[in-house]
Full PDB file with SEQRES, HELIX, SHEET, SSBOND, CRYST1, ORIGX, SCALE, CONECT and MASTER records, all heavy atoms in Angstrom:
SEQRES   1 A   43  THR LEU LYS LYS LEU CYS VAL LYS VAL SER LYS ASN ALA          
SEQRES   2 A   43  ASP LEU LYS SER CYS LEU ASP LYS THR LEU LYS PRO GLY          
SEQRES   3 A   43  LEU LYS ILE ILE LEU ASP SER TYR GLY VAL ASN MET THR          
SEQRES   4 A   43  SER SER ALA LYS                                              
HELIX    1 AA1 LEU A    2  LEU A    5  1                                   4    
HELIX    2 AA2 LEU A   15  ASP A   20  1                                   6    
HELIX    3 AA3 LYS A   24  SER A   33  1                                  10    
CRYST1    1.000    1.000    1.000  90.00  90.00  90.00 P 1           1          
ORIGX1      1.000000  0.000000  0.000000        0.00000                         
ORIGX2      0.000000  1.000000  0.000000        0.00000                         
ORIGX3      0.000000  0.000000  1.000000        0.00000                         
SCALE1      1.000000  0.000000  0.000000        0.00000                         
SCALE2      0.000000  1.000000  0.000000        0.00000                         
SCALE3      0.000000  0.000000  1.000000        0.00000                         
ATOM      1  N   THR A   1     -53.392   6.220  77.326  1.00  0.00           N  
ATOM      2  CA  THR A   1     -52.308   6.826  76.541  1.00  0.00           C  
ATOM      3  C   THR A   1     -51.139   5.865  76.384  1.00  0.00           C  
ATOM      4  O   THR A   1     -50.572   5.720  75.295  1.00  0.00           O  
ATOM      5  CB  THR A   1     -51.809   8.118  77.209  1.00  0.00           C  
ATOM      6  OG1 THR A   1     -52.906   9.017  77.382  1.00  0.00           O  
ATOM      7  CG2 THR A   1     -50.744   8.794  76.367  1.00  0.00           C  
ATOM      8  N   LEU A   2     -50.797   5.174  77.471  1.00  0.00           N  
ATOM      9  CA  LEU A   2     -49.693   4.217  77.404  1.00  0.00           C  
ATOM     10  C   LEU A   2     -50.041   3.041  76.505  1.00  0.00           C  
ATOM     11  O   LEU A   2     -49.195   2.546  75.759  1.00  0.00           O  
ATOM     12  CB  LEU A   2     -49.340   3.719  78.809  1.00  0.00           C  
ATOM     13  CG  LEU A   2     -48.584   4.698  79.707  1.00  0.00           C  
ATOM     14  CD1 LEU A   2     -48.358   4.087  81.070  1.00  0.00           C  
ATOM     15  CD2 LEU A   2     -47.251   5.074  79.084  1.00  0.00           C  
ATOM     16  N   LYS A   3     -51.288   2.605  76.558  1.00  0.00           N  
ATOM     17  CA  LYS A   3     -51.713   1.477  75.729  1.00  0.00           C  
ATOM     18  C   LYS A   3     -51.552   1.801  74.246  1.00  0.00           C  
ATOM     19  O   LYS A   3     -51.165   0.949  73.442  1.00  0.00           O  
ATOM     20  CB  LYS A   3     -53.163   1.114  76.025  1.00  0.00           C  
ATOM     21  CG  LYS A   3     -53.381   0.367  77.332  1.00  0.00           C  
ATOM     22  CD  LYS A   3     -54.834  -0.008  77.503  1.00  0.00           C  
ATOM     23  CE  LYS A   3     -55.043  -0.771  78.818  1.00  0.00           C  
ATOM     24  NZ  LYS A   3     -56.476  -1.140  79.019  1.00  0.00           N  
ATOM     25  N   LYS A   4     -51.840   3.066  73.880  1.00  0.00           N  
ATOM     26  CA  LYS A   4     -51.740   3.465  72.475  1.00  0.00           C  
ATOM     27  C   LYS A   4     -50.292   3.478  71.989  1.00  0.00           C  
ATOM     28  O   LYS A   4     -50.027   3.396  70.792  1.00  0.00           O  
ATOM     29  CB  LYS A   4     -52.363   4.848  72.290  1.00  0.00           C  
ATOM     30  CG  LYS A   4     -53.875   4.854  72.432  1.00  0.00           C  
ATOM     31  CD  LYS A   4     -54.434   6.263  72.238  1.00  0.00           C  
ATOM     32  CE  LYS A   4     -55.951   6.277  72.398  1.00  0.00           C  
ATOM     33  NZ  LYS A   4     -56.499   7.645  72.228  1.00  0.00           N  
ATOM     34  N   LEU A   5     -49.358   3.601  72.929  1.00  0.00           N  
ATOM     35  CA  LEU A   5     -47.940   3.608  72.557  1.00  0.00           C  
ATOM     36  C   LEU A   5     -47.379   2.206  72.341  1.00  0.00           C  
ATOM     37  O   LEU A   5     -46.292   2.051  71.797  1.00  0.00           O  
ATOM     38  CB  LEU A   5     -47.121   4.320  73.642  1.00  0.00           C  
ATOM     39  CG  LEU A   5     -47.382   5.816  73.838  1.00  0.00           C  
ATOM     40  CD1 LEU A   5     -46.589   6.333  75.039  1.00  0.00           C  
ATOM     41  CD2 LEU A   5     -46.997   6.601  72.590  1.00  0.00           C  
ATOM     42  N   CYS A   6     -48.115   1.206  72.780  1.00  0.00           N  
ATOM     43  CA  CYS A   6     -47.615  -0.169  72.722  1.00  0.00           C  
ATOM     44  C   CYS A   6     -47.932  -0.841  71.389  1.00  0.00           C  
ATOM     45  O   CYS A   6     -48.928  -0.536  70.729  1.00  0.00           O  
ATOM     46  CB  CYS A   6     -48.213  -0.998  73.854  1.00  0.00           C  
ATOM     47  SG  CYS A   6     -47.683  -0.485  75.488  1.00  0.00           S  
ATOM     48  N   VAL A   7     -47.062  -1.751  70.990  1.00  0.00           N  
ATOM     49  CA  VAL A   7     -47.295  -2.595  69.811  1.00  0.00           C  
ATOM     50  C   VAL A   7     -47.230  -4.047  70.251  1.00  0.00           C  
ATOM     51  O   VAL A   7     -46.534  -4.386  71.213  1.00  0.00           O  
ATOM     52  CB  VAL A   7     -46.243  -2.322  68.711  1.00  0.00           C  
ATOM     53  CG1 VAL A   7     -46.402  -0.928  68.148  1.00  0.00           C  
ATOM     54  CG2 VAL A   7     -44.829  -2.516  69.245  1.00  0.00           C  
ATOM     55  N   LYS A   8     -47.977  -4.893  69.570  1.00  0.00           N  
ATOM     56  CA  LYS A   8     -48.041  -6.302  69.950  1.00  0.00           C  
ATOM     57  C   LYS A   8     -46.919  -7.077  69.255  1.00  0.00           C  
ATOM     58  O   LYS A   8     -47.097  -7.631  68.166  1.00  0.00           O  
ATOM     59  CB  LYS A   8     -49.397  -6.892  69.586  1.00  0.00           C  
ATOM     60  CG  LYS A   8     -50.546  -6.297  70.402  1.00  0.00           C  
ATOM     61  CD  LYS A   8     -51.878  -6.945  70.035  1.00  0.00           C  
ATOM     62  CE  LYS A   8     -53.016  -6.364  70.869  1.00  0.00           C  
ATOM     63  NZ  LYS A   8     -54.329  -6.980  70.526  1.00  0.00           N  
ATOM     64  N   VAL A   9     -45.755  -7.069  69.882  1.00  0.00           N  
ATOM     65  CA  VAL A   9     -44.598  -7.794  69.348  1.00  0.00           C  
ATOM     66  C   VAL A   9     -43.873  -8.470  70.505  1.00  0.00           C  
ATOM     67  O   VAL A   9     -44.076  -8.121  71.673  1.00  0.00           O  
ATOM     68  CB  VAL A   9     -43.621  -6.853  68.607  1.00  0.00           C  
ATOM     69  CG1 VAL A   9     -44.256  -6.261  67.373  1.00  0.00           C  
ATOM     70  CG2 VAL A   9     -43.126  -5.752  69.541  1.00  0.00           C  
ATOM     71  N   SER A  10     -43.026  -9.424  70.164  1.00  0.00           N  
ATOM     72  CA  SER A  10     -42.215 -10.081  71.190  1.00  0.00           C  
ATOM     73  C   SER A  10     -40.994  -9.226  71.502  1.00  0.00           C  
ATOM     74  O   SER A  10     -40.648  -8.310  70.753  1.00  0.00           O  
ATOM     75  CB  SER A  10     -41.766 -11.459  70.707  1.00  0.00           C  
ATOM     76  OG  SER A  10     -40.792 -11.328  69.680  1.00  0.00           O  
ATOM     77  N   LYS A  11     -40.336  -9.526  72.618  1.00  0.00           N  
ATOM     78  CA  LYS A  11     -39.154  -8.755  73.009  1.00  0.00           C  
ATOM     79  C   LYS A  11     -37.983  -8.977  72.052  1.00  0.00           C  
ATOM     80  O   LYS A  11     -37.030  -8.201  72.049  1.00  0.00           O  
ATOM     81  CB  LYS A  11     -38.747  -9.124  74.439  1.00  0.00           C  
ATOM     82  CG  LYS A  11     -39.700  -8.600  75.497  1.00  0.00           C  
ATOM     83  CD  LYS A  11     -39.149  -8.734  76.897  1.00  0.00           C  
ATOM     84  CE  LYS A  11     -39.113 -10.182  77.351  1.00  0.00           C  
ATOM     85  NZ  LYS A  11     -38.703 -10.296  78.777  1.00  0.00           N  
ATOM     86  N   ASN A  12     -38.040 -10.020  71.231  1.00  0.00           N  
ATOM     87  CA  ASN A  12     -36.973 -10.305  70.271  1.00  0.00           C  
ATOM     88  C   ASN A  12     -37.377  -9.947  68.839  1.00  0.00           C  
ATOM     89  O   ASN A  12     -36.770 -10.420  67.875  1.00  0.00           O  
ATOM     90  CB  ASN A  12     -36.585 -11.781  70.332  1.00  0.00           C  
ATOM     91  CG  ASN A  12     -36.010 -12.163  71.678  1.00  0.00           C  
ATOM     92  OD1 ASN A  12     -35.199 -11.427  72.243  1.00  0.00           O  
ATOM     93  ND2 ASN A  12     -36.422 -13.312  72.211  1.00  0.00           N  
ATOM     94  N   ALA A  13     -38.399  -9.100  68.703  1.00  0.00           N  
ATOM     95  CA  ALA A  13     -38.932  -8.774  67.374  1.00  0.00           C  
ATOM     96  C   ALA A  13     -37.909  -8.032  66.518  1.00  0.00           C  
ATOM     97  O   ALA A  13     -37.006  -7.362  67.029  1.00  0.00           O  
ATOM     98  CB  ALA A  13     -40.187  -7.928  67.524  1.00  0.00           C  
ATOM     99  N   ASP A  14     -38.076  -8.164  65.194  1.00  0.00           N  
ATOM    100  CA  ASP A  14     -37.217  -7.398  64.292  1.00  0.00           C  
ATOM    101  C   ASP A  14     -37.888  -6.062  63.976  1.00  0.00           C  
ATOM    102  O   ASP A  14     -39.038  -5.805  64.344  1.00  0.00           O  
ATOM    103  CB  ASP A  14     -36.912  -8.181  63.018  1.00  0.00           C  
ATOM    104  CG  ASP A  14     -38.156  -8.568  62.224  1.00  0.00           C  
ATOM    105  OD1 ASP A  14     -39.227  -7.969  62.447  1.00  0.00           O  
ATOM    106  OD2 ASP A  14     -38.061  -9.464  61.379  1.00  0.00           O  
ATOM    107  N   LEU A  15     -37.151  -5.199  63.295  1.00  0.00           N  
ATOM    108  CA  LEU A  15     -37.625  -3.850  63.022  1.00  0.00           C  
ATOM    109  C   LEU A  15     -38.873  -3.846  62.155  1.00  0.00           C  
ATOM    110  O   LEU A  15     -39.809  -3.066  62.401  1.00  0.00           O  
ATOM    111  CB  LEU A  15     -36.510  -3.041  62.348  1.00  0.00           C  
ATOM    112  CG  LEU A  15     -36.835  -1.589  61.993  1.00  0.00           C  
ATOM    113  CD1 LEU A  15     -37.181  -0.784  63.240  1.00  0.00           C  
ATOM    114  CD2 LEU A  15     -35.649  -0.949  61.256  1.00  0.00           C  
ATOM    115  N   LYS A  16     -38.907  -4.702  61.158  1.00  0.00           N  
ATOM    116  CA  LYS A  16     -40.054  -4.738  60.249  1.00  0.00           C  
ATOM    117  C   LYS A  16     -41.334  -5.067  61.007  1.00  0.00           C  
ATOM    118  O   LYS A  16     -42.382  -4.438  60.783  1.00  0.00           O  
ATOM    119  CB  LYS A  16     -39.799  -5.781  59.146  1.00  0.00           C  
ATOM    120  CG  LYS A  16     -40.856  -5.804  58.049  1.00  0.00           C  
ATOM    121  CD  LYS A  16     -40.829  -4.521  57.248  1.00  0.00           C  
ATOM    122  CE  LYS A  16     -41.806  -4.604  56.079  1.00  0.00           C  
ATOM    123  NZ  LYS A  16     -42.081  -3.280  55.513  1.00  0.00           N  
ATOM    124  N   SER A  17     -41.273  -6.027  61.910  1.00  0.00           N  
ATOM    125  CA  SER A  17     -42.453  -6.409  62.692  1.00  0.00           C  
ATOM    126  C   SER A  17     -42.922  -5.252  63.566  1.00  0.00           C  
ATOM    127  O   SER A  17     -44.120  -4.976  63.666  1.00  0.00           O  
ATOM    128  CB  SER A  17     -42.141  -7.628  63.566  1.00  0.00           C  
ATOM    129  OG  SER A  17     -41.758  -8.733  62.786  1.00  0.00           O  
ATOM    130  N   CYS A  18     -41.982  -4.556  64.186  1.00  0.00           N  
ATOM    131  CA  CYS A  18     -42.332  -3.433  65.056  1.00  0.00           C  
ATOM    132  C   CYS A  18     -42.998  -2.311  64.271  1.00  0.00           C  
ATOM    133  O   CYS A  18     -44.001  -1.729  64.711  1.00  0.00           O  
ATOM    134  CB  CYS A  18     -41.091  -2.908  65.756  1.00  0.00           C  
ATOM    135  SG  CYS A  18     -40.370  -4.051  66.965  1.00  0.00           S  
ATOM    136  N   LEU A  19     -42.443  -2.000  63.105  1.00  0.00           N  
ATOM    137  CA  LEU A  19     -42.997  -0.918  62.295  1.00  0.00           C  
ATOM    138  C   LEU A  19     -44.363  -1.282  61.728  1.00  0.00           C  
ATOM    139  O   LEU A  19     -45.270  -0.436  61.665  1.00  0.00           O  
ATOM    140  CB  LEU A  19     -42.031  -0.559  61.165  1.00  0.00           C  
ATOM    141  CG  LEU A  19     -40.723   0.099  61.600  1.00  0.00           C  
ATOM    142  CD1 LEU A  19     -39.746   0.171  60.436  1.00  0.00           C  
ATOM    143  CD2 LEU A  19     -40.966   1.493  62.164  1.00  0.00           C  
ATOM    144  N   ASP A  20     -44.521  -2.525  61.299  1.00  0.00           N  
ATOM    145  CA  ASP A  20     -45.817  -2.955  60.750  1.00  0.00           C  
ATOM    146  C   ASP A  20     -46.934  -2.882  61.796  1.00  0.00           C  
ATOM    147  O   ASP A  20     -48.106  -2.719  61.456  1.00  0.00           O  
ATOM    148  CB  ASP A  20     -45.719  -4.380  60.197  1.00  0.00           C  
ATOM    149  CG  ASP A  20     -44.982  -4.435  58.855  1.00  0.00           C  
ATOM    150  OD1 ASP A  20     -44.818  -3.361  58.235  1.00  0.00           O  
ATOM    151  OD2 ASP A  20     -44.574  -5.535  58.438  1.00  0.00           O  
ATOM    152  N   LYS A  21     -46.568  -3.001  63.069  1.00  0.00           N  
ATOM    153  CA  LYS A  21     -47.558  -2.945  64.148  1.00  0.00           C  
ATOM    154  C   LYS A  21     -47.778  -1.519  64.659  1.00  0.00           C  
ATOM    155  O   LYS A  21     -48.667  -1.281  65.477  1.00  0.00           O  
ATOM    156  CB  LYS A  21     -47.104  -3.825  65.315  1.00  0.00           C  
ATOM    157  CG  LYS A  21     -47.040  -5.321  64.997  1.00  0.00           C  
ATOM    158  CD  LYS A  21     -48.427  -5.910  64.843  1.00  0.00           C  
ATOM    159  CE  LYS A  21     -48.353  -7.429  64.649  1.00  0.00           C  
ATOM    160  NZ  LYS A  21     -49.697  -8.032  64.526  1.00  0.00           N  
ATOM    161  N   THR A  22     -46.972  -0.578  64.187  1.00  0.00           N  
ATOM    162  CA  THR A  22     -47.084   0.815  64.634  1.00  0.00           C  
ATOM    163  C   THR A  22     -48.159   1.543  63.838  1.00  0.00           C  
ATOM    164  O   THR A  22     -48.286   1.353  62.617  1.00  0.00           O  
ATOM    165  CB  THR A  22     -45.731   1.544  64.464  1.00  0.00           C  
ATOM    166  OG1 THR A  22     -44.726   0.860  65.230  1.00  0.00           O  
ATOM    167  CG2 THR A  22     -45.811   2.988  64.935  1.00  0.00           C  
ATOM    168  N   LEU A  23     -48.939   2.384  64.513  1.00  0.00           N  
ATOM    169  CA  LEU A  23     -50.005   3.131  63.855  1.00  0.00           C  
ATOM    170  C   LEU A  23     -49.422   4.243  62.983  1.00  0.00           C  
ATOM    171  O   LEU A  23     -48.268   4.666  63.155  1.00  0.00           O  
ATOM    172  CB  LEU A  23     -50.949   3.734  64.904  1.00  0.00           C  
ATOM    173  CG  LEU A  23     -51.677   2.728  65.808  1.00  0.00           C  
ATOM    174  CD1 LEU A  23     -52.508   3.460  66.852  1.00  0.00           C  
ATOM    175  CD2 LEU A  23     -52.551   1.784  64.991  1.00  0.00           C  
ATOM    176  N   LYS A  24     -50.209   4.751  62.038  1.00  0.00           N  
ATOM    177  CA  LYS A  24     -49.748   5.768  61.089  1.00  0.00           C  
ATOM    178  C   LYS A  24     -49.139   7.000  61.770  1.00  0.00           C  
ATOM    179  O   LYS A  24     -48.068   7.461  61.361  1.00  0.00           O  
ATOM    180  CB  LYS A  24     -50.889   6.204  60.165  1.00  0.00           C  
ATOM    181  CG  LYS A  24     -51.189   5.212  59.052  1.00  0.00           C  
ATOM    182  CD  LYS A  24     -52.281   5.712  58.126  1.00  0.00           C  
ATOM    183  CE  LYS A  24     -51.798   6.856  57.262  1.00  0.00           C  
ATOM    184  NZ  LYS A  24     -52.794   7.245  56.224  1.00  0.00           N  
ATOM    185  N   PRO A  25     -49.777   7.556  62.810  1.00  0.00           N  
ATOM    186  CA  PRO A  25     -49.166   8.733  63.464  1.00  0.00           C  
ATOM    187  C   PRO A  25     -47.765   8.444  63.997  1.00  0.00           C  
ATOM    188  O   PRO A  25     -46.872   9.289  63.902  1.00  0.00           O  
ATOM    189  CB  PRO A  25     -50.143   9.047  64.606  1.00  0.00           C  
ATOM    190  CG  PRO A  25     -51.456   8.498  64.144  1.00  0.00           C  
ATOM    191  CD  PRO A  25     -51.105   7.250  63.397  1.00  0.00           C  
ATOM    192  N   GLY A  26     -47.575   7.244  64.548  1.00  0.00           N  
ATOM    193  CA  GLY A  26     -46.264   6.866  65.064  1.00  0.00           C  
ATOM    194  C   GLY A  26     -45.235   6.733  63.959  1.00  0.00           C  
ATOM    195  O   GLY A  26     -44.067   7.129  64.119  1.00  0.00           O  
ATOM    196  N   LEU A  27     -45.654   6.194  62.811  1.00  0.00           N  
ATOM    197  CA  LEU A  27     -44.744   6.051  61.674  1.00  0.00           C  
ATOM    198  C   LEU A  27     -44.326   7.419  61.137  1.00  0.00           C  
ATOM    199  O   LEU A  27     -43.165   7.631  60.766  1.00  0.00           O  
ATOM    200  CB  LEU A  27     -45.405   5.224  60.571  1.00  0.00           C  
ATOM    201  CG  LEU A  27     -45.682   3.753  60.904  1.00  0.00           C  
ATOM    202  CD1 LEU A  27     -46.532   3.115  59.814  1.00  0.00           C  
ATOM    203  CD2 LEU A  27     -44.372   2.984  61.061  1.00  0.00           C  
ATOM    204  N   LYS A  28     -45.273   8.349  61.105  1.00  0.00           N  
ATOM    205  CA  LYS A  28     -44.960   9.695  60.616  1.00  0.00           C  
ATOM    206  C   LYS A  28     -43.972  10.403  61.544  1.00  0.00           C  
ATOM    207  O   LYS A  28     -43.098  11.139  61.093  1.00  0.00           O  
ATOM    208  CB  LYS A  28     -46.249  10.512  60.486  1.00  0.00           C  
ATOM    209  CG  LYS A  28     -47.122  10.075  59.310  1.00  0.00           C  
ATOM    210  CD  LYS A  28     -48.378  10.933  59.196  1.00  0.00           C  
ATOM    211  CE  LYS A  28     -49.211  10.520  57.980  1.00  0.00           C  
ATOM    212  NZ  LYS A  28     -50.448  11.321  57.869  1.00  0.00           N  
ATOM    213  N   ILE A  29     -44.113  10.164  62.849  1.00  0.00           N  
ATOM    214  CA  ILE A  29     -43.177  10.755  63.812  1.00  0.00           C  
ATOM    215  C   ILE A  29     -41.759  10.243  63.565  1.00  0.00           C  
ATOM    216  O   ILE A  29     -40.784  10.999  63.583  1.00  0.00           O  
ATOM    217  CB  ILE A  29     -43.622  10.435  65.256  1.00  0.00           C  
ATOM    218  CG1 ILE A  29     -44.880  11.238  65.612  1.00  0.00           C  
ATOM    219  CG2 ILE A  29     -42.504  10.747  66.255  1.00  0.00           C  
ATOM    220  CD1 ILE A  29     -45.485  10.865  66.946  1.00  0.00           C  
ATOM    221  N   ILE A  30     -41.645   8.944  63.314  1.00  0.00           N  
ATOM    222  CA  ILE A  30     -40.327   8.350  63.041  1.00  0.00           C  
ATOM    223  C   ILE A  30     -39.715   8.951  61.772  1.00  0.00           C  
ATOM    224  O   ILE A  30     -38.549   9.357  61.757  1.00  0.00           O  
ATOM    225  CB  ILE A  30     -40.439   6.819  62.918  1.00  0.00           C  
ATOM    226  CG1 ILE A  30     -40.785   6.208  64.281  1.00  0.00           C  
ATOM    227  CG2 ILE A  30     -39.128   6.218  62.387  1.00  0.00           C  
ATOM    228  CD1 ILE A  30     -41.112   4.731  64.233  1.00  0.00           C  
ATOM    229  N   LEU A  31     -40.514   9.033  60.718  1.00  0.00           N  
ATOM    230  CA  LEU A  31     -40.009   9.581  59.459  1.00  0.00           C  
ATOM    231  C   LEU A  31     -39.637  11.051  59.616  1.00  0.00           C  
ATOM    232  O   LEU A  31     -38.613  11.507  59.088  1.00  0.00           O  
ATOM    233  CB  LEU A  31     -41.060   9.401  58.356  1.00  0.00           C  
ATOM    234  CG  LEU A  31     -41.267   7.958  57.887  1.00  0.00           C  
ATOM    235  CD1 LEU A  31     -42.499   7.855  57.006  1.00  0.00           C  
ATOM    236  CD2 LEU A  31     -40.045   7.459  57.124  1.00  0.00           C  
ATOM    237  N   ASP A  32     -40.446  11.806  60.352  1.00  0.00           N  
ATOM    238  CA  ASP A  32     -40.152  13.229  60.569  1.00  0.00           C  
ATOM    239  C   ASP A  32     -38.818  13.421  61.293  1.00  0.00           C  
ATOM    240  O   ASP A  32     -38.080  14.367  61.014  1.00  0.00           O  
ATOM    241  CB  ASP A  32     -41.270  13.880  61.391  1.00  0.00           C  
ATOM    242  CG  ASP A  32     -42.537  14.114  60.577  1.00  0.00           C  
ATOM    243  OD1 ASP A  32     -42.461  14.034  59.341  1.00  0.00           O  
ATOM    244  OD2 ASP A  32     -43.604  14.355  61.179  1.00  0.00           O  
ATOM    245  N   SER A  33     -38.505  12.513  62.218  1.00  0.00           N  
ATOM    246  CA  SER A  33     -37.267  12.655  62.987  1.00  0.00           C  
ATOM    247  C   SER A  33     -36.033  12.522  62.109  1.00  0.00           C  
ATOM    248  O   SER A  33     -34.956  13.014  62.451  1.00  0.00           O  
ATOM    249  CB  SER A  33     -37.212  11.612  64.117  1.00  0.00           C  
ATOM    250  OG  SER A  33     -36.956  10.319  63.611  1.00  0.00           O  
ATOM    251  N   TYR A  34     -36.176  11.857  60.953  1.00  0.00           N  
ATOM    252  CA  TYR A  34     -35.061  11.704  60.013  1.00  0.00           C  
ATOM    253  C   TYR A  34     -35.174  12.689  58.854  1.00  0.00           C  
ATOM    254  O   TYR A  34     -34.421  12.612  57.882  1.00  0.00           O  
ATOM    255  CB  TYR A  34     -35.015  10.280  59.467  1.00  0.00           C  
ATOM    256  CG  TYR A  34     -34.572   9.253  60.486  1.00  0.00           C  
ATOM    257  CD1 TYR A  34     -35.507   8.457  61.144  1.00  0.00           C  
ATOM    258  CD2 TYR A  34     -33.233   9.073  60.790  1.00  0.00           C  
ATOM    259  CE1 TYR A  34     -35.114   7.503  62.073  1.00  0.00           C  
ATOM    260  CE2 TYR A  34     -32.826   8.133  61.725  1.00  0.00           C  
ATOM    261  CZ  TYR A  34     -33.772   7.351  62.361  1.00  0.00           C  
ATOM    262  OH  TYR A  34     -33.371   6.406  63.287  1.00  0.00           O  
ATOM    263  N   GLY A  35     -36.150  13.596  58.950  1.00  0.00           N  
ATOM    264  CA  GLY A  35     -36.313  14.592  57.894  1.00  0.00           C  
ATOM    265  C   GLY A  35     -36.926  14.053  56.629  1.00  0.00           C  
ATOM    266  O   GLY A  35     -36.752  14.622  55.551  1.00  0.00           O  
ATOM    267  N   VAL A  36     -37.673  12.939  56.721  1.00  0.00           N  
ATOM    268  CA  VAL A  36     -38.308  12.332  55.557  1.00  0.00           C  
ATOM    269  C   VAL A  36     -39.781  12.730  55.527  1.00  0.00           C  
ATOM    270  O   VAL A  36     -40.520  12.482  56.479  1.00  0.00           O  
ATOM    271  CB  VAL A  36     -38.191  10.796  55.589  1.00  0.00           C  
ATOM    272  CG1 VAL A  36     -38.911  10.188  54.385  1.00  0.00           C  
ATOM    273  CG2 VAL A  36     -36.731  10.381  55.608  1.00  0.00           C  
ATOM    274  N   ASN A  37     -40.206  13.351  54.448  1.00  0.00           N  
ATOM    275  CA  ASN A  37     -41.591  13.774  54.308  1.00  0.00           C  
ATOM    276  C   ASN A  37     -42.342  12.859  53.353  1.00  0.00           C  
ATOM    277  O   ASN A  37     -41.838  12.533  52.276  1.00  0.00           O  
ATOM    278  CB  ASN A  37     -41.660  15.216  53.785  1.00  0.00           C  
ATOM    279  CG  ASN A  37     -41.045  16.209  54.747  1.00  0.00           C  
ATOM    280  OD1 ASN A  37     -41.294  16.138  55.945  1.00  0.00           O  
ATOM    281  ND2 ASN A  37     -40.236  17.125  54.225  1.00  0.00           N  
ATOM    282  N   MET A  38     -43.526  12.446  53.764  1.00  0.00           N  
ATOM    283  CA  MET A  38     -44.397  11.618  52.931  1.00  0.00           C  
ATOM    284  C   MET A  38     -45.704  12.365  52.711  1.00  0.00           C  
ATOM    285  O   MET A  38     -46.119  13.174  53.548  1.00  0.00           O  
ATOM    286  CB  MET A  38     -44.664  10.273  53.606  1.00  0.00           C  
ATOM    287  CG  MET A  38     -43.422   9.429  53.852  1.00  0.00           C  
ATOM    288  SD  MET A  38     -42.773   8.663  52.348  1.00  0.00           S  
ATOM    289  CE  MET A  38     -43.954   7.314  52.112  1.00  0.00           C  
ATOM    290  N   THR A  39     -46.362  12.094  51.595  1.00  0.00           N  
ATOM    291  CA  THR A  39     -47.631  12.761  51.315  1.00  0.00           C  
ATOM    292  C   THR A  39     -48.693  12.298  52.299  1.00  0.00           C  
ATOM    293  O   THR A  39     -48.629  11.181  52.837  1.00  0.00           O  
ATOM    294  CB  THR A  39     -48.107  12.438  49.888  1.00  0.00           C  
ATOM    295  OG1 THR A  39     -48.319  11.023  49.761  1.00  0.00           O  
ATOM    296  CG2 THR A  39     -47.051  12.876  48.863  1.00  0.00           C  
ATOM    297  N   SER A  40     -49.669  13.156  52.524  1.00  0.00           N  
ATOM    298  CA  SER A  40     -50.735  12.833  53.475  1.00  0.00           C  
ATOM    299  C   SER A  40     -51.568  11.647  52.998  1.00  0.00           C  
ATOM    300  O   SER A  40     -52.248  10.991  53.786  1.00  0.00           O  
ATOM    301  CB  SER A  40     -51.643  14.050  53.685  1.00  0.00           C  
ATOM    302  OG  SER A  40     -52.182  14.484  52.442  1.00  0.00           O  
ATOM    303  N   SER A  41     -51.499  11.365  51.695  1.00  0.00           N  
ATOM    304  CA  SER A  41     -52.289  10.260  51.147  1.00  0.00           C  
ATOM    305  C   SER A  41     -51.552   8.915  51.212  1.00  0.00           C  
ATOM    306  O   SER A  41     -52.102   7.885  50.808  1.00  0.00           O  
ATOM    307  CB  SER A  41     -52.662  10.561  49.687  1.00  0.00           C  
ATOM    308  OG  SER A  41     -51.483  10.704  48.902  1.00  0.00           O  
ATOM    309  N   ALA A  42     -50.310   8.926  51.713  1.00  0.00           N  
ATOM    310  CA  ALA A  42     -49.531   7.685  51.779  1.00  0.00           C  
ATOM    311  C   ALA A  42     -50.220   6.657  52.664  1.00  0.00           C  
ATOM    312  O   ALA A  42     -50.721   6.982  53.742  1.00  0.00           O  
ATOM    313  CB  ALA A  42     -48.131   7.982  52.319  1.00  0.00           C  
ATOM    314  N   LYS A  43     -50.245   5.426  52.200  1.00  0.00           N  
ATOM    315  CA  LYS A  43     -50.893   4.356  52.961  1.00  0.00           C  
ATOM    316  C   LYS A  43     -49.971   3.893  54.092  1.00  0.00           C  
ATOM    317  O   LYS A  43     -48.764   4.127  54.068  1.00  0.00           O  
ATOM    318  CB  LYS A  43     -51.220   3.190  52.043  1.00  0.00           C  
ATOM    319  CG  LYS A  43     -52.246   3.531  50.974  1.00  0.00           C  
ATOM    320  CD  LYS A  43     -52.532   2.340  50.074  1.00  0.00           C  
ATOM    321  CE  LYS A  43     -53.565   2.695  49.000  1.00  0.00           C  
ATOM    322  NZ  LYS A  43     -53.845   1.566  48.096  1.00  0.00           N  
TER     323      LYS A  43                                                      
MASTER        0    0    0    3    0    0    0    6  322    1    0    4          
END                                                                             
């Protein structure tokens, strides 16, 4: 479970790198927290 939460980035990574390495479920959680809804077909 912990391994699935990790992304392969350096400790000095920028936001774009972190997000690009995050899986789709994690990205949806982030967007949901800001009240942003995306279609289920979004890549």
